[in-house]
Protein backbone atom coordinates (compact mmCIF):
# COMPACT_ATOMS: atom_id res chain seq x y z
CA MET A 1 0.17 0.01 -0.46
CA VAL A 2 1.14 3.40 -0.99
CA PRO A 3 1.48 5.75 2.30
CA PHE A 4 -0.60 8.98 1.97
CA THR A 5 1.16 12.38 1.15
CA HIS A 6 -0.20 15.53 1.08
CA LYS A 7 1.44 17.24 -2.20
CA ARG A 8 1.15 20.68 -2.63
CA PRO A 9 -0.02 21.99 -6.05
CA ALA A 10 3.00 22.86 -8.53
CA LEU A 11 1.34 25.94 -9.70
CA GLU A 12 0.75 27.66 -6.25
CA VAL A 13 4.45 26.47 -5.26
CA ILE A 14 5.27 28.44 -8.58
CA GLN A 15 3.22 31.46 -7.78
CA GLU A 16 4.77 31.87 -4.26
CA LYS A 17 8.25 32.52 -5.85
CA ILE A 18 6.36 35.67 -7.31
CA PHE A 19 7.58 38.55 -5.65
CA THR A 20 6.82 42.46 -4.50
CA LYS A 21 9.25 44.34 -3.02
CA GLU A 22 7.41 44.15 0.00
CA THR A 23 6.85 40.37 -0.17
CA VAL A 24 10.38 39.53 -1.18
CA LEU A 25 11.94 41.04 2.48
CA LYS A 26 11.32 37.80 4.69
CA PRO A 27 12.67 35.31 2.21
CA LEU A 28 15.49 38.19 1.77
CA ILE A 29 15.99 37.72 5.59
CA VAL A 30 15.68 34.40 6.08
CA TRP A 31 18.09 33.47 3.19
CA LYS A 32 20.78 35.95 4.59
CA PHE A 33 20.52 34.78 7.74
CA LYS A 34 20.94 31.05 6.72
CA GLY A 35 24.23 32.25 5.10
CA ASP A 36 22.81 31.90 1.10
CA LYS A 37 24.74 34.03 -1.34
CA ILE A 38 22.10 36.21 -3.36
CA VAL A 39 22.58 36.47 -6.78
CA PHE A 40 20.42 39.24 -8.94
CA THR A 41 19.98 39.59 -12.49
CA ASN A 42 17.44 41.23 -14.37
CA GLY A 43 15.71 41.69 -18.06
CA CYS A 44 12.74 41.60 -20.16
CA PHE A 45 12.71 37.75 -20.61
CA ASP A 46 10.17 38.35 -23.45
CA ILE A 47 10.02 34.72 -24.90
CA ILE A 48 12.27 32.40 -23.07
CA HIS A 49 14.66 30.75 -25.21
CA ARG A 50 17.79 28.28 -24.98
CA GLY A 51 20.09 31.43 -24.24
CA HIS A 52 18.02 32.83 -21.29
CA ILE A 53 17.98 29.31 -19.81
CA ASP A 54 21.91 29.05 -20.09
CA TYR A 55 22.11 32.65 -18.76
CA LEU A 56 19.73 32.25 -15.80
CA ALA A 57 21.33 27.86 -14.94
CA LYS A 58 24.82 30.21 -15.18
CA ALA A 59 24.08 32.93 -12.78
CA SER A 60 22.46 30.51 -10.62
CA ASP A 61 25.42 28.58 -9.79
CA LEU A 62 27.10 32.06 -8.64
CA GLY A 63 25.63 31.55 -5.50
CA GLY A 64 22.60 30.12 -3.40
CA GLN A 65 19.51 31.80 -4.08
CA LEU A 66 19.03 33.70 -7.43
CA VAL A 67 16.31 36.41 -7.66
CA VAL A 68 15.37 37.67 -11.12
CA GLY A 69 14.05 41.44 -11.90
CA ILE A 70 11.78 41.73 -14.68
CA ASN A 71 10.64 44.69 -16.35
CA SER A 72 6.91 45.36 -16.74
CA ASP A 73 5.08 45.66 -19.74
CA GLU A 74 5.35 49.66 -19.49
CA SER A 75 8.80 49.36 -18.51
CA ILE A 76 9.60 47.49 -21.74
CA LYS A 77 7.62 50.25 -23.84
CA ARG A 78 9.82 52.69 -22.52
CA LEU A 79 12.67 50.79 -23.52
CA GLY A 80 11.41 51.12 -26.99
CA LYS A 81 12.58 47.57 -28.31
CA SER A 82 9.96 47.57 -30.69
CA THR A 83 6.10 48.47 -31.05
CA SER A 84 5.14 44.70 -30.82
CA ARG A 85 7.34 44.53 -27.41
CA PRO A 86 6.52 42.76 -24.91
CA LEU A 87 4.91 39.53 -26.76
CA GLN A 88 4.11 38.15 -23.31
CA ASP A 89 2.76 39.80 -20.80
CA GLU A 90 4.53 40.73 -17.18
CA GLN A 91 2.67 38.34 -15.01
CA THR A 92 3.07 35.36 -17.75
CA ARG A 93 7.06 36.31 -18.18
CA ALA A 94 7.08 36.34 -14.03
CA LEU A 95 5.28 32.74 -13.81
CA ILE A 96 7.94 31.21 -17.16
CA LEU A 97 10.82 32.46 -14.96
CA ALA A 98 9.50 30.84 -11.52
CA SER A 99 8.55 27.87 -12.59
CA LEU A 100 12.55 27.24 -13.25
CA HIS A 101 13.75 25.53 -10.01
CA PHE A 102 16.88 27.77 -10.32
CA VAL A 103 15.02 30.27 -9.90
CA SER A 104 14.32 31.27 -5.91
CA GLY A 105 12.49 34.51 -6.72
CA VAL A 106 11.14 36.83 -9.42
CA ILE A 107 10.25 40.44 -8.88
CA ILE A 108 8.59 43.23 -11.69
CA PHE A 109 9.68 46.35 -11.72
CA ASP A 110 8.27 49.41 -13.21
CA GLU A 111 10.88 51.71 -13.41
CA ASP A 112 13.23 52.45 -16.13
CA THR A 113 16.54 50.88 -14.41
CA PRO A 114 16.32 48.06 -11.84
CA LEU A 115 18.63 50.79 -9.52
CA ASP A 116 16.02 50.75 -6.69
CA LEU A 117 15.21 47.16 -6.63
CA ILE A 118 18.79 46.16 -6.64
CA SER A 119 19.69 49.03 -3.63
CA PHE A 120 16.26 47.22 -2.19
CA VAL A 121 17.51 43.57 -2.32
CA LYS A 122 21.23 44.31 -1.78
CA PRO A 123 22.61 40.90 -3.60
CA ASP A 124 26.11 39.09 -2.73
CA VAL A 125 26.30 39.15 -6.91
CA LEU A 126 25.03 41.10 -9.38
CA VAL A 127 24.91 39.42 -13.22
CA LYS A 128 24.52 40.87 -16.59
CA GLY A 129 25.13 39.60 -19.66
CA ALA A 130 28.75 40.14 -21.17
CA ASP A 131 27.54 43.05 -23.57
CA TYR A 132 28.19 45.24 -20.46
CA ASP A 133 31.58 45.84 -18.43
CA VAL A 134 31.89 45.51 -14.98
CA THR A 135 35.10 48.20 -15.09
CA GLU A 136 32.67 50.71 -16.25
CA SER A 137 32.09 53.74 -13.79
CA ASP A 138 30.20 56.19 -16.45
CA LYS A 139 26.84 55.91 -15.90
CA GLU A 140 25.74 57.17 -18.92
CA ASN A 141 28.39 54.48 -21.13
CA LYS A 142 25.71 51.79 -22.22
CA LYS A 143 27.82 49.33 -21.19
CA TYR A 144 27.55 50.42 -17.39
CA ILE A 145 25.78 47.85 -15.06
CA VAL A 146 23.07 50.18 -13.29
CA GLY A 147 23.59 49.41 -9.36
CA SER A 148 27.20 48.03 -9.68
CA ASP A 149 28.42 51.17 -7.57
CA VAL A 150 25.60 50.09 -4.74
CA VAL A 151 26.70 46.69 -4.85
CA LYS A 152 30.53 47.27 -4.69
CA ALA A 153 30.08 49.52 -1.72
CA ALA A 154 28.14 46.97 0.23
CA GLY A 155 31.40 44.35 -0.52
CA GLY A 156 29.22 42.58 -3.46
CA GLU A 157 30.75 41.64 -6.78
CA VAL A 158 29.52 42.21 -10.39
CA LYS A 159 30.13 39.68 -12.80
CA THR A 160 28.88 39.09 -16.80
CA ILE A 161 27.90 36.09 -18.71
CA ALA A 162 28.67 35.59 -22.24
CA PHE A 163 25.57 35.15 -24.00
CA LEU A 164 24.91 31.71 -25.96
CA GLU A 165 25.62 32.91 -29.82
CA GLY A 166 22.90 32.43 -32.14
CA PHE A 167 19.91 32.63 -29.56
CA SER A 168 17.68 35.93 -28.71
CA THR A 169 13.96 37.01 -28.87
CA SER A 170 14.96 39.48 -31.22
CA LEU A 171 16.11 36.48 -33.56
CA ILE A 172 13.28 34.41 -32.67
CA GLU A 173 10.62 37.61 -33.62
CA GLN A 174 12.22 38.12 -36.82
CA LYS A 175 12.20 34.52 -37.69
CA ILE A 176 8.33 34.44 -36.99
CA LYS A 177 7.76 37.48 -39.03
CA SER A 178 9.80 36.24 -42.12
CA ASN A 179 7.17 32.86 -42.31
């Protein structure tokens, strides 16, 4: 006879990994108390593809808890990526990211940059793609990593991860339009 076990619904578990600035405070305190290294990265993550998975998995390997900030729909529109972006709404993008076992938490931010969120989370490691430069200090330079000054001042690290060649949301969007 199989013993009775109560399993929580998977969707409920996934949704609990989607936070606001206010609701992420408790997990942050617990993780820091336990000595977990908190890694933070951010992006639009519009259509999740192999390049995203590779990048996020590598970011996760840099610490114990990976927190991902995602741009809100309005924030993406202000970035001027294209008139059709985002292709998926912010709640869908957050749910997909939260379903990844190596993502500890997802937070949607509405500002143009994640600076306020980074200052709030106070990660041990801030990660961006290798198209940015960890040594760049000119905040006007496109290679500057927003929040790097905050993380470094608190004794944290700033790292970059090379993108997987040939995988991007823009390439997928172009392929769909050409078919």
